[in-house]
Amino acid sequence: MNLHLTGHHLQITPAIREHVAHKMEKITGHFDHVIDINVIMTVEKLLHTVEATVHLSGKEIFCEAHGEDMYVAIDNLVGKLDRAILKHKGKNLAHRHDAAPLKHQPIE
């Protein structure tokens, strides 16, 4: 998994980088097919915004979160990404298990 961090009006400190990397391990624990994650952190006056694009095999998942502190915004983002990836994983498993093999389908 590749993790790309970008800061707009913000200098990314080693503490923020470590916090994001630690939180993103939760995402990769649920789904092994994560190719890369792009995270953009923005500060506009008192609003801290974090947005992430997760590249999976065959799909991209985008989430955005806001907070009064950058660490709170990162935690909110990870919660949203976690739910979105679990939803995607559930859809893939349901799609894979719902399809009956061709040899078991009735001939009409």
PDB file of N, CA and C in Angstrom:
ATOM      1  N   MET A   1       0.837  -1.173   0.000  1.00  0.00           N
ATOM      2  CA  MET A   1       0.000   0.000   0.000  1.00  0.00           C
ATOM      3  C   MET A   1       0.885   1.241   0.000  1.00  0.00           C
ATOM      4  N   ASN A   2       0.592   2.149  -0.916  1.00  0.00           N
ATOM      5  CA  ASN A   2       1.290   3.423  -0.971  1.00  0.00           C
ATOM      6  C   ASN A   2       0.408   4.488  -0.342  1.00  0.00           C
ATOM      7  N   LEU A   3       0.988   5.317   0.497  1.00  0.00           N
ATOM      8  CA  LEU A   3       0.261   6.392   1.163  1.00  0.00           C
ATOM      9  C   LEU A   3       0.870   7.723   0.747  1.00  0.00           C
ATOM     10  N   HIS A   4       0.068   8.574   0.083  1.00  0.00           N
ATOM     11  CA  HIS A   4       0.516   9.885  -0.373  1.00  0.00           C
ATOM     12  C   HIS A   4      -0.209  10.951   0.429  1.00  0.00           C
ATOM     13  N   LEU A   5       0.540  11.816   1.110  1.00  0.00           N
ATOM     14  CA  LEU A   5      -0.038  12.892   1.903  1.00  0.00           C
ATOM     15  C   LEU A   5       0.289  14.225   1.251  1.00  0.00           C
ATOM     16  N   THR A   6      -0.734  15.090   1.154  1.00  0.00           N
ATOM     17  CA  THR A   6      -0.559  16.422   0.596  1.00  0.00           C
ATOM     18  C   THR A   6      -1.204  17.408   1.553  1.00  0.00           C
ATOM     19  N   GLY A   7      -0.542  18.536   1.780  1.00  0.00           N
ATOM     20  CA  GLY A   7      -1.085  19.565   2.664  1.00  0.00           C
ATOM     21  C   GLY A   7      -1.277  20.884   1.933  1.00  0.00           C
ATOM     22  N   HIS A   8      -2.468  21.446   2.043  1.00  0.00           N
ATOM     23  CA  HIS A   8      -2.764  22.763   1.491  1.00  0.00           C
ATOM     24  C   HIS A   8      -2.880  23.728   2.664  1.00  0.00           C
ATOM     25  N   HIS A   9      -2.039  24.744   2.679  1.00  0.00           N
ATOM     26  CA  HIS A   9      -1.964  25.716   3.768  1.00  0.00           C
ATOM     27  C   HIS A   9      -1.629  25.022   5.086  1.00  0.00           C
ATOM     28  N   LEU A  10      -0.846  23.960   4.996  1.00  0.00           N
ATOM     29  CA  LEU A  10      -0.518  23.158   6.159  1.00  0.00           C
ATOM     30  C   LEU A  10       0.805  22.451   5.909  1.00  0.00           C
ATOM     31  N   GLN A  11       1.660  22.475   6.899  1.00  0.00           N
ATOM     32  CA  GLN A  11       2.887  21.694   6.807  1.00  0.00           C
ATOM     33  C   GLN A  11       2.651  20.365   7.521  1.00  0.00           C
ATOM     34  N   ILE A  12       2.905  19.270   6.832  1.00  0.00           N
ATOM     35  CA  ILE A  12       2.659  17.948   7.398  1.00  0.00           C
ATOM     36  C   ILE A  12       3.838  17.575   8.290  1.00  0.00           C
ATOM     37  N   THR A  13       3.553  17.480   9.573  1.00  0.00           N
ATOM     38  CA  THR A  13       4.583  17.145  10.549  1.00  0.00           C
ATOM     39  C   THR A  13       4.728  15.629  10.637  1.00  0.00           C
ATOM     40  N   PRO A  14       5.847  15.162  11.173  1.00  0.00           N
ATOM     41  CA  PRO A  14       5.998  13.714  11.352  1.00  0.00           C
ATOM     42  C   PRO A  14       4.918  13.108  12.259  1.00  0.00           C
ATOM     43  N   ALA A  15       4.407  13.880  13.225  1.00  0.00           N
ATOM     44  CA  ALA A  15       3.352  13.374  14.112  1.00  0.00           C
ATOM     45  C   ALA A  15       2.054  13.151  13.337  1.00  0.00           C
ATOM     46  N   ILE A  16       1.700  14.082  12.454  1.00  0.00           N
ATOM     47  CA  ILE A  16       0.489  13.924  11.640  1.00  0.00           C
ATOM     48  C   ILE A  16       0.668  12.754  10.670  1.00  0.00           C
ATOM     49  N   ARG A  17       1.838  12.659  10.054  1.00  0.00           N
ATOM     50  CA  ARG A  17       2.111  11.567   9.119  1.00  0.00           C
ATOM     51  C   ARG A  17       1.990  10.216   9.831  1.00  0.00           C
ATOM     52  N   GLU A  18       2.541  10.112  11.036  1.00  0.00           N
ATOM     53  CA  GLU A  18       2.472   8.869  11.803  1.00  0.00           C
ATOM     54  C   GLU A  18       1.031   8.550  12.213  1.00  0.00           C
ATOM     55  N   HIS A  19       0.257   9.584  12.580  1.00  0.00           N
ATOM     56  CA  HIS A  19      -1.137   9.382  12.976  1.00  0.00           C
ATOM     57  C   HIS A  19      -1.962   8.849  11.801  1.00  0.00           C
ATOM     58  N   VAL A  20      -1.767   9.432  10.626  1.00  0.00           N
ATOM     59  CA  VAL A  20      -2.498   8.983   9.433  1.00  0.00           C
ATOM     60  C   VAL A  20      -2.092   7.556   9.073  1.00  0.00           C
ATOM     61  N   ALA A  21      -0.809   7.256   9.107  1.00  0.00           N
ATOM     62  CA  ALA A  21      -0.340   5.914   8.756  1.00  0.00           C
ATOM     63  C   ALA A  21      -0.889   4.877   9.732  1.00  0.00           C
ATOM     64  N   HIS A  22      -0.915   5.217  11.007  1.00  0.00           N
ATOM     65  CA  HIS A  22      -1.435   4.296  12.015  1.00  0.00           C
ATOM     66  C   HIS A  22      -2.930   4.052  11.817  1.00  0.00           C
ATOM     67  N   LYS A  23      -3.683   5.103  11.513  1.00  0.00           N
ATOM     68  CA  LYS A  23      -5.126   4.964  11.314  1.00  0.00           C
ATOM     69  C   LYS A  23      -5.450   4.212  10.024  1.00  0.00           C
ATOM     70  N   MET A  24      -4.647   4.371   8.988  1.00  0.00           N
ATOM     71  CA  MET A  24      -4.915   3.698   7.718  1.00  0.00           C
ATOM     72  C   MET A  24      -4.620   2.203   7.785  1.00  0.00           C
ATOM     73  N   GLU A  25      -3.868   1.762   8.800  1.00  0.00           N
ATOM     74  CA  GLU A  25      -3.649   0.328   8.972  1.00  0.00           C
ATOM     75  C   GLU A  25      -4.964  -0.391   9.254  1.00  0.00           C
ATOM     76  N   LYS A  26      -5.916   0.310   9.880  1.00  0.00           N
ATOM     77  CA  LYS A  26      -7.236  -0.259  10.139  1.00  0.00           C
ATOM     78  C   LYS A  26      -7.951  -0.563   8.820  1.00  0.00           C
ATOM     79  N   ILE A  27      -7.795   0.326   7.837  1.00  0.00           N
ATOM     80  CA  ILE A  27      -8.428   0.139   6.527  1.00  0.00           C
ATOM     81  C   ILE A  27      -7.835  -1.087   5.831  1.00  0.00           C
ATOM     82  N   THR A  28      -6.531  -1.200   5.843  1.00  0.00           N
ATOM     83  CA  THR A  28      -5.897  -2.319   5.150  1.00  0.00           C
ATOM     84  C   THR A  28      -6.112  -3.635   5.886  1.00  0.00           C
ATOM     85  N   GLY A  29      -6.491  -3.578   7.156  1.00  0.00           N
ATOM     86  CA  GLY A  29      -6.812  -4.790   7.890  1.00  0.00           C
ATOM     87  C   GLY A  29      -8.110  -5.422   7.428  1.00  0.00           C
ATOM     88  N   HIS A  30      -9.042  -4.583   6.960  1.00  0.00           N
ATOM     89  CA  HIS A  30     -10.323  -5.093   6.478  1.00  0.00           C
ATOM     90  C   HIS A  30     -10.238  -5.613   5.048  1.00  0.00           C
ATOM     91  N   PHE A  31      -9.433  -4.969   4.255  1.00  0.00           N
ATOM     92  CA  PHE A  31      -9.433  -5.261   2.822  1.00  0.00           C
ATOM     93  C   PHE A  31      -7.993  -5.259   2.349  1.00  0.00           C
ATOM     94  N   ASP A  32      -7.514  -6.382   1.854  1.00  0.00           N
ATOM     95  CA  ASP A  32      -6.108  -6.530   1.480  1.00  0.00           C
ATOM     96  C   ASP A  32      -5.766  -5.949   0.114  1.00  0.00           C
ATOM     97  N   HIS A  33      -6.761  -5.675  -0.713  1.00  0.00           N
ATOM     98  CA  HIS A  33      -6.503  -5.267  -2.091  1.00  0.00           C
ATOM     99  C   HIS A  33      -6.412  -3.749  -2.258  1.00  0.00           C
ATOM    100  N   VAL A  34      -5.923  -3.035  -1.263  1.00  0.00           N
ATOM    101  CA  VAL A  34      -5.734  -1.588  -1.352  1.00  0.00           C
ATOM    102  C   VAL A  34      -4.441  -1.337  -2.111  1.00  0.00           C
ATOM    103  N   ILE A  35      -4.556  -0.615  -3.225  1.00  0.00           N
ATOM    104  CA  ILE A  35      -3.387  -0.334  -4.049  1.00  0.00           C
ATOM    105  C   ILE A  35      -2.661   0.888  -3.512  1.00  0.00           C
ATOM    106  N   ASP A  36      -3.393   1.998  -3.398  1.00  0.00           N
ATOM    107  CA  ASP A  36      -2.769   3.182  -2.826  1.00  0.00           C
ATOM    108  C   ASP A  36      -3.823   4.124  -2.283  1.00  0.00           C
ATOM    109  N   ILE A  37      -3.404   5.009  -1.362  1.00  0.00           N
ATOM    110  CA  ILE A  37      -4.298   5.961  -0.706  1.00  0.00           C
ATOM    111  C   ILE A  37      -3.710   7.352  -0.870  1.00  0.00           C
ATOM    112  N   ASN A  38      -4.514   8.288  -1.411  1.00  0.00           N
ATOM    113  CA  ASN A  38      -4.117   9.689  -1.522  1.00  0.00           C
ATOM    114  C   ASN A  38      -4.907  10.493  -0.495  1.00  0.00           C
ATOM    115  N   VAL A  39      -4.210  11.211   0.373  1.00  0.00           N
ATOM    116  CA  VAL A  39      -4.841  12.009   1.420  1.00  0.00           C
ATOM    117  C   VAL A  39      -4.457  13.463   1.216  1.00  0.00           C
ATOM    118  N   ILE A  40      -5.475  14.339   1.178  1.00  0.00           N
ATOM    119  CA  ILE A  40      -5.250  15.775   1.041  1.00  0.00           C
ATOM    120  C   ILE A  40      -5.796  16.461   2.289  1.00  0.00           C
ATOM    121  N   MET A  41      -4.938  17.208   2.978  1.00  0.00           N
ATOM    122  CA  MET A  41      -5.325  17.931   4.187  1.00  0.00           C
ATOM    123  C   MET A  41      -5.314  19.418   3.898  1.00  0.00           C
ATOM    124  N   THR A  42      -6.412  20.088   4.266  1.00  0.00           N
ATOM    125  CA  THR A  42      -6.567  21.506   3.980  1.00  0.00           C
ATOM    126  C   THR A  42      -6.987  22.237   5.244  1.00  0.00           C
ATOM    127  N   VAL A  43      -6.435  23.433   5.433  1.00  0.00           N
ATOM    128  CA  VAL A  43      -6.849  24.298   6.532  1.00  0.00           C
ATOM    129  C   VAL A  43      -7.331  25.611   5.938  1.00  0.00           C
ATOM    130  N   GLU A  44      -8.589  25.965   6.230  1.00  0.00           N
ATOM    131  CA  GLU A  44      -9.161  27.249   5.816  1.00  0.00           C
ATOM    132  C   GLU A  44      -9.758  27.907   7.052  1.00  0.00           C
ATOM    133  N   LYS A  45      -9.107  28.941   7.524  1.00  0.00           N
ATOM    134  CA  LYS A  45      -9.472  29.638   8.759  1.00  0.00           C
ATOM    135  C   LYS A  45      -9.556  28.633   9.905  1.00  0.00           C
ATOM    136  N   LEU A  46     -10.740  28.335  10.417  1.00  0.00           N
ATOM    137  CA  LEU A  46     -10.857  27.419  11.549  1.00  0.00           C
ATOM    138  C   LEU A  46     -11.348  26.036  11.153  1.00  0.00           C
ATOM    139  N   LEU A  47     -11.532  25.796   9.872  1.00  0.00           N
ATOM    140  CA  LEU A  47     -12.055  24.522   9.398  1.00  0.00           C
ATOM    141  C   LEU A  47     -10.924  23.647   8.845  1.00  0.00           C
ATOM    142  N   HIS A  48     -10.761  22.484   9.415  1.00  0.00           N
ATOM    143  CA  HIS A  48      -9.767  21.514   8.955  1.00  0.00           C
ATOM    144  C   HIS A  48     -10.489  20.454   8.141  1.00  0.00           C
ATOM    145  N   THR A  49     -10.046  20.258   6.920  1.00  0.00           N
ATOM    146  CA  THR A  49     -10.679  19.308   6.008  1.00  0.00           C
ATOM    147  C   THR A  49      -9.662  18.254   5.590  1.00  0.00           C
ATOM    148  N   VAL A  50     -10.101  17.001   5.601  1.00  0.00           N
ATOM    149  CA  VAL A  50      -9.267  15.901   5.141  1.00  0.00           C
ATOM    150  C   VAL A  50     -10.086  15.110   4.134  1.00  0.00           C
ATOM    151  N   GLU A  51      -9.513  14.861   2.971  1.00  0.00           N
ATOM    152  CA  GLU A  51     -10.187  14.049   1.970  1.00  0.00           C
ATOM    153  C   GLU A  51      -9.230  12.967   1.506  1.00  0.00           C
ATOM    154  N   ALA A  52      -9.790  11.806   1.201  1.00  0.00           N
ATOM    155  CA  ALA A  52      -8.957  10.670   0.812  1.00  0.00           C
ATOM    156  C   ALA A  52      -9.600   9.929  -0.338  1.00  0.00           C
ATOM    157  N   THR A  53      -8.747   9.446  -1.240  1.00  0.00           N
ATOM    158  CA  THR A  53      -9.162   8.580  -2.333  1.00  0.00           C
ATOM    159  C   THR A  53      -8.411   7.270  -2.165  1.00  0.00           C
ATOM    160  N   VAL A  54      -9.170   6.195  -2.029  1.00  0.00           N
ATOM    161  CA  VAL A  54      -8.585   4.866  -1.864  1.00  0.00           C
ATOM    162  C   VAL A  54      -8.739   4.130  -3.182  1.00  0.00           C
ATOM    163  N   HIS A  55      -7.633   3.710  -3.762  1.00  0.00           N
ATOM    164  CA  HIS A  55      -7.633   2.980  -5.026  1.00  0.00           C
ATOM    165  C   HIS A  55      -7.631   1.486  -4.719  1.00  0.00           C
ATOM    166  N   LEU A  56      -8.713   0.826  -5.095  1.00  0.00           N
ATOM    167  CA  LEU A  56      -8.835  -0.614  -4.950  1.00  0.00           C
ATOM    168  C   LEU A  56      -8.761  -1.235  -6.331  1.00  0.00           C
ATOM    169  N   SER A  57      -8.679  -2.531  -6.393  1.00  0.00           N
ATOM    170  CA  SER A  57      -8.674  -3.176  -7.699  1.00  0.00           C
ATOM    171  C   SER A  57     -10.073  -3.073  -8.293  1.00  0.00           C
ATOM    172  N   GLY A  58     -10.210  -2.237  -9.323  1.00  0.00           N
ATOM    173  CA  GLY A  58     -11.489  -2.075 -10.002  1.00  0.00           C
ATOM    174  C   GLY A  58     -12.383  -0.982  -9.451  1.00  0.00           C
ATOM    175  N   LYS A  59     -11.977  -0.237  -8.435  1.00  0.00           N
ATOM    176  CA  LYS A  59     -12.848   0.782  -7.837  1.00  0.00           C
ATOM    177  C   LYS A  59     -12.014   1.823  -7.115  1.00  0.00           C
ATOM    178  N   GLU A  60     -12.561   3.039  -7.060  1.00  0.00           N
ATOM    179  CA  GLU A  60     -11.984   4.112  -6.249  1.00  0.00           C
ATOM    180  C   GLU A  60     -13.034   4.570  -5.261  1.00  0.00           C
ATOM    181  N   ILE A  61     -12.646   4.732  -4.008  1.00  0.00           N
ATOM    182  CA  ILE A  61     -13.557   5.198  -2.968  1.00  0.00           C
ATOM    183  C   ILE A  61     -13.051   6.541  -2.478  1.00  0.00           C
ATOM    184  N   PHE A  62     -13.953   7.549  -2.478  1.00  0.00           N
ATOM    185  CA  PHE A  62     -13.600   8.903  -2.046  1.00  0.00           C
ATOM    186  C   PHE A  62     -14.421   9.250  -0.815  1.00  0.00           C
ATOM    187  N   CYS A  63     -13.765   9.810   0.207  1.00  0.00           N
ATOM    188  CA  CYS A  63     -14.442  10.286   1.411  1.00  0.00           C
ATOM    189  C   CYS A  63     -13.819  11.608   1.831  1.00  0.00           C
ATOM    190  N   GLU A  64     -14.641  12.410   2.509  1.00  0.00           N
ATOM    191  CA  GLU A  64     -14.197  13.721   2.976  1.00  0.00           C
ATOM    192  C   GLU A  64     -14.739  13.933   4.382  1.00  0.00           C
ATOM    193  N   ALA A  65     -13.930  14.550   5.260  1.00  0.00           N
ATOM    194  CA  ALA A  65     -14.352  14.807   6.632  1.00  0.00           C
ATOM    195  C   ALA A  65     -13.835  16.168   7.073  1.00  0.00           C
ATOM    196  N   HIS A  66     -14.589  16.792   7.973  1.00  0.00           N
ATOM    197  CA  HIS A  66     -14.244  18.105   8.507  1.00  0.00           C
ATOM    198  C   HIS A  66     -14.132  17.997  10.022  1.00  0.00           C
ATOM    199  N   GLY A  67     -13.403  18.925  10.605  1.00  0.00           N
ATOM    200  CA  GLY A  67     -13.282  18.960  12.055  1.00  0.00           C
ATOM    201  C   GLY A  67     -12.657  20.258  12.516  1.00  0.00           C
ATOM    202  N   GLU A  68     -12.748  20.507  13.811  1.00  0.00           N
ATOM    203  CA  GLU A  68     -12.150  21.723  14.358  1.00  0.00           C
ATOM    204  C   GLU A  68     -10.665  21.524  14.648  1.00  0.00           C
ATOM    205  N   ASP A  69     -10.217  20.285  14.602  1.00  0.00           N
ATOM    206  CA  ASP A  69      -8.822  19.930  14.799  1.00  0.00           C
ATOM    207  C   ASP A  69      -8.435  18.918  13.714  1.00  0.00           C
ATOM    208  N   MET A  70      -7.196  18.923  13.285  1.00  0.00           N
ATOM    209  CA  MET A  70      -6.786  18.027  12.205  1.00  0.00           C
ATOM    210  C   MET A  70      -6.879  16.564  12.636  1.00  0.00           C
ATOM    211  N   TYR A  71      -6.550  16.276  13.882  1.00  0.00           N
ATOM    212  CA  TYR A  71      -6.612  14.896  14.360  1.00  0.00           C
ATOM    213  C   TYR A  71      -8.059  14.397  14.418  1.00  0.00           C
ATOM    214  N   VAL A  72      -8.988  15.260  14.795  1.00  0.00           N
ATOM    215  CA  VAL A  72     -10.409  14.893  14.813  1.00  0.00           C
ATOM    216  C   VAL A  72     -10.894  14.639  13.394  1.00  0.00           C
ATOM    217  N   ALA A  73     -10.483  15.480  12.457  1.00  0.00           N
ATOM    218  CA  ALA A  73     -10.880  15.306  11.055  1.00  0.00           C
ATOM    219  C   ALA A  73     -10.329  13.990  10.498  1.00  0.00           C
ATOM    220  N   ILE A  74      -9.099  13.643  10.849  1.00  0.00           N
ATOM    221  CA  ILE A  74      -8.512  12.379  10.395  1.00  0.00           C
ATOM    222  C   ILE A  74      -9.285  11.198  10.964  1.00  0.00           C
ATOM    223  N   ASP A  75      -9.642  11.256  12.248  1.00  0.00           N
ATOM    224  CA  ASP A  75     -10.404  10.174  12.868  1.00  0.00           C
ATOM    225  C   ASP A  75     -11.777  10.025  12.220  1.00  0.00           C
ATOM    226  N   ASN A  76     -12.438  11.154  11.912  1.00  0.00           N
ATOM    227  CA  ASN A  76     -13.736  11.104  11.231  1.00  0.00           C
ATOM    228  C   ASN A  76     -13.599  10.493   9.837  1.00  0.00           C
ATOM    229  N   LEU A  77     -12.539  10.858   9.141  1.00  0.00           N
ATOM    230  CA  LEU A  77     -12.301  10.328   7.801  1.00  0.00           C
ATOM    231  C   LEU A  77     -12.087   8.814   7.827  1.00  0.00           C
ATOM    232  N   VAL A  78     -11.321   8.338   8.781  1.00  0.00           N
ATOM    233  CA  VAL A  78     -11.054   6.905   8.863  1.00  0.00           C
ATOM    234  C   VAL A  78     -12.342   6.143   9.160  1.00  0.00           C
ATOM    235  N   GLY A  79     -13.220   6.711   9.980  1.00  0.00           N
ATOM    236  CA  GLY A  79     -14.503   6.071  10.239  1.00  0.00           C
ATOM    237  C   GLY A  79     -15.349   5.967   8.981  1.00  0.00           C
ATOM    238  N   LYS A  80     -15.383   7.036   8.186  1.00  0.00           N
ATOM    239  CA  LYS A  80     -16.143   7.018   6.935  1.00  0.00           C
ATOM    240  C   LYS A  80     -15.545   6.030   5.930  1.00  0.00           C
ATOM    241  N   LEU A  81     -14.222   6.045   5.804  1.00  0.00           N
ATOM    242  CA  LEU A  81     -13.561   5.114   4.889  1.00  0.00           C
ATOM    243  C   LEU A  81     -13.783   3.665   5.317  1.00  0.00           C
ATOM    244  N   ASP A  82     -13.753   3.433   6.603  1.00  0.00           N
ATOM    245  CA  ASP A  82     -13.965   2.082   7.120  1.00  0.00           C
ATOM    246  C   ASP A  82     -15.349   1.569   6.729  1.00  0.00           C
ATOM    247  N   ARG A  83     -16.371   2.394   6.921  1.00  0.00           N
ATOM    248  CA  ARG A  83     -17.732   1.991   6.550  1.00  0.00           C
ATOM    249  C   ARG A  83     -17.857   1.785   5.049  1.00  0.00           C
ATOM    250  N   ALA A  84     -17.251   2.664   4.251  1.00  0.00           N
ATOM    251  CA  ALA A  84     -17.354   2.551   2.794  1.00  0.00           C
ATOM    252  C   ALA A  84     -16.653   1.296   2.275  1.00  0.00           C
ATOM    253  N   ILE A  85     -15.502   0.967   2.831  1.00  0.00           N
ATOM    254  CA  ILE A  85     -14.769  -0.210   2.377  1.00  0.00           C
ATOM    255  C   ILE A  85     -15.475  -1.490   2.815  1.00  0.00           C
ATOM    256  N   LEU A  86     -16.032  -1.503   4.018  1.00  0.00           N
ATOM    257  CA  LEU A  86     -16.791  -2.677   4.442  1.00  0.00           C
ATOM    258  C   LEU A  86     -18.035  -2.867   3.580  1.00  0.00           C
ATOM    259  N   LYS A  87     -18.667  -1.770   3.182  1.00  0.00           N
ATOM    260  CA  LYS A  87     -19.832  -1.852   2.292  1.00  0.00           C
ATOM    261  C   LYS A  87     -19.413  -2.419   0.934  1.00  0.00           C
ATOM    262  N   HIS A  88     -18.301  -1.932   0.390  1.00  0.00           N
ATOM    263  CA  HIS A  88     -17.792  -2.432  -0.892  1.00  0.00           C
ATOM    264  C   HIS A  88     -17.430  -3.913  -0.789  1.00  0.00           C
ATOM    265  N   LYS A  89     -16.787  -4.291   0.304  1.00  0.00           N
ATOM    266  CA  LYS A  89     -16.397  -5.685   0.500  1.00  0.00           C
ATOM    267  C   LYS A  89     -17.638  -6.578   0.606  1.00  0.00           C
ATOM    268  N   GLY A  90     -18.661  -6.108   1.300  1.00  0.00           N
ATOM    269  CA  GLY A  90     -19.899  -6.876   1.416  1.00  0.00           C
ATOM    270  C   GLY A  90     -20.598  -7.047   0.087  1.00  0.00           C
ATOM    271  N   LYS A  91     -20.590  -6.008  -0.740  1.00  0.00           N
ATOM    272  CA  LYS A  91     -21.197  -6.106  -2.067  1.00  0.00           C
ATOM    273  C   LYS A  91     -20.442  -7.102  -2.936  1.00  0.00           C
ATOM    274  N   ASN A  92     -19.120  -7.076  -2.871  1.00  0.00           N
ATOM    275  CA  ASN A  92     -18.325  -8.019  -3.664  1.00  0.00           C
ATOM    276  C   ASN A  92     -18.576  -9.458  -3.239  1.00  0.00           C
ATOM    277  N   LEU A  93     -18.639  -9.700  -1.934  1.00  0.00           N
ATOM    278  CA  LEU A  93     -18.879 -11.059  -1.453  1.00  0.00           C
ATOM    279  C   LEU A  93     -20.278 -11.524  -1.816  1.00  0.00           C
ATOM    280  N   ALA A  94     -21.273 -10.637  -1.686  1.00  0.00           N
ATOM    281  CA  ALA A  94     -22.648 -11.004  -2.026  1.00  0.00           C
ATOM    282  C   ALA A  94     -22.765 -11.287  -3.518  1.00  0.00           C
ATOM    283  N   HIS A  95     -22.111 -10.482  -4.331  1.00  0.00           N
ATOM    284  CA  HIS A  95     -22.171 -10.668  -5.779  1.00  0.00           C
ATOM    285  C   HIS A  95     -21.506 -11.986  -6.178  1.00  0.00           C
ATOM    286  N   ARG A  96     -20.413 -12.290  -5.527  1.00  0.00           N
ATOM    287  CA  ARG A  96     -19.678 -13.511  -5.851  1.00  0.00           C
ATOM    288  C   ARG A  96     -20.454 -14.756  -5.414  1.00  0.00           C
ATOM    289  N   HIS A  97     -21.135 -14.701  -4.257  1.00  0.00           N
ATOM    290  CA  HIS A  97     -21.834 -15.875  -3.751  1.00  0.00           C
ATOM    291  C   HIS A  97     -23.245 -16.027  -4.313  1.00  0.00           C
ATOM    292  N   ASP A  98     -23.843 -14.958  -4.840  1.00  0.00           N
ATOM    293  CA  ASP A  98     -25.188 -15.036  -5.395  1.00  0.00           C
ATOM    294  C   ASP A  98     -25.211 -15.690  -6.768  1.00  0.00           C
ATOM    295  N   ALA A  99     -24.155 -15.563  -7.506  1.00  0.00           N
ATOM    296  CA  ALA A  99     -24.130 -16.091  -8.866  1.00  0.00           C
ATOM    297  C   ALA A  99     -24.010 -17.619  -8.817  1.00  0.00           C
ATOM    298  N   ALA A 100     -24.993 -18.266  -9.394  1.00  0.00           N
ATOM    299  CA  ALA A 100     -24.968 -19.731  -9.449  1.00  0.00           C
ATOM    300  C   ALA A 100     -24.083 -20.163 -10.609  1.00  0.00           C
ATOM    301  N   PRO A 101     -23.378 -21.246 -10.462  1.00  0.00           N
ATOM    302  CA  PRO A 101     -22.552 -21.738 -11.567  1.00  0.00           C
ATOM    303  C   PRO A 101     -23.427 -22.123 -12.765  1.00  0.00           C
ATOM    304  N   LEU A 102     -22.858 -22.045 -13.931  1.00  0.00           N
ATOM    305  CA  LEU A 102     -23.611 -22.323 -15.146  1.00  0.00           C
ATOM    306  C   LEU A 102     -24.103 -23.771 -15.211  1.00  0.00           C
ATOM    307  N   LYS A 103     -23.370 -24.703 -14.653  1.00  0.00           N
ATOM    308  CA  LYS A 103     -23.787 -26.101 -14.762  1.00  0.00           C
ATOM    309  C   LYS A 103     -24.969 -26.431 -13.858  1.00  0.00           C
ATOM    310  N   HIS A 104     -25.289 -25.545 -12.895  1.00  0.00           N
ATOM    311  CA  HIS A 104     -26.431 -25.797 -12.018  1.00  0.00           C
ATOM    312  C   HIS A 104     -27.678 -25.018 -12.412  1.00  0.00           C
ATOM    313  N   GLN A 105     -27.625 -24.235 -13.465  1.00  0.00           N
ATOM    314  CA  GLN A 105     -28.783 -23.466 -13.891  1.00  0.00           C
ATOM    315  C   GLN A 105     -29.691 -24.358 -14.762  1.00  0.00           C
ATOM    316  N   PRO A 106     -31.017 -24.231 -14.585  1.00  0.00           N
ATOM    317  CA  PRO A 106     -31.936 -25.059 -15.371  1.00  0.00           C
ATOM    318  C   PRO A 106     -31.934 -24.643 -16.834  1.00  0.00           C
ATOM    319  N   ILE A 107     -32.145 -25.618 -17.706  1.00  0.00           N
ATOM    320  CA  ILE A 107     -32.204 -25.371 -19.142  1.00  0.00           C
ATOM    321  C   ILE A 107     -33.654 -25.129 -19.520  1.00  0.00           C
ATOM    322  N   GLU A 108     -33.905 -24.043 -20.225  1.00  0.00           N
ATOM    323  CA  GLU A 108     -35.269 -23.702 -20.626  1.00  0.00           C
ATOM    324  C   GLU A 108     -35.496 -23.917 -22.076  1.00  0.00           C
TER     325      GLU A 108
END
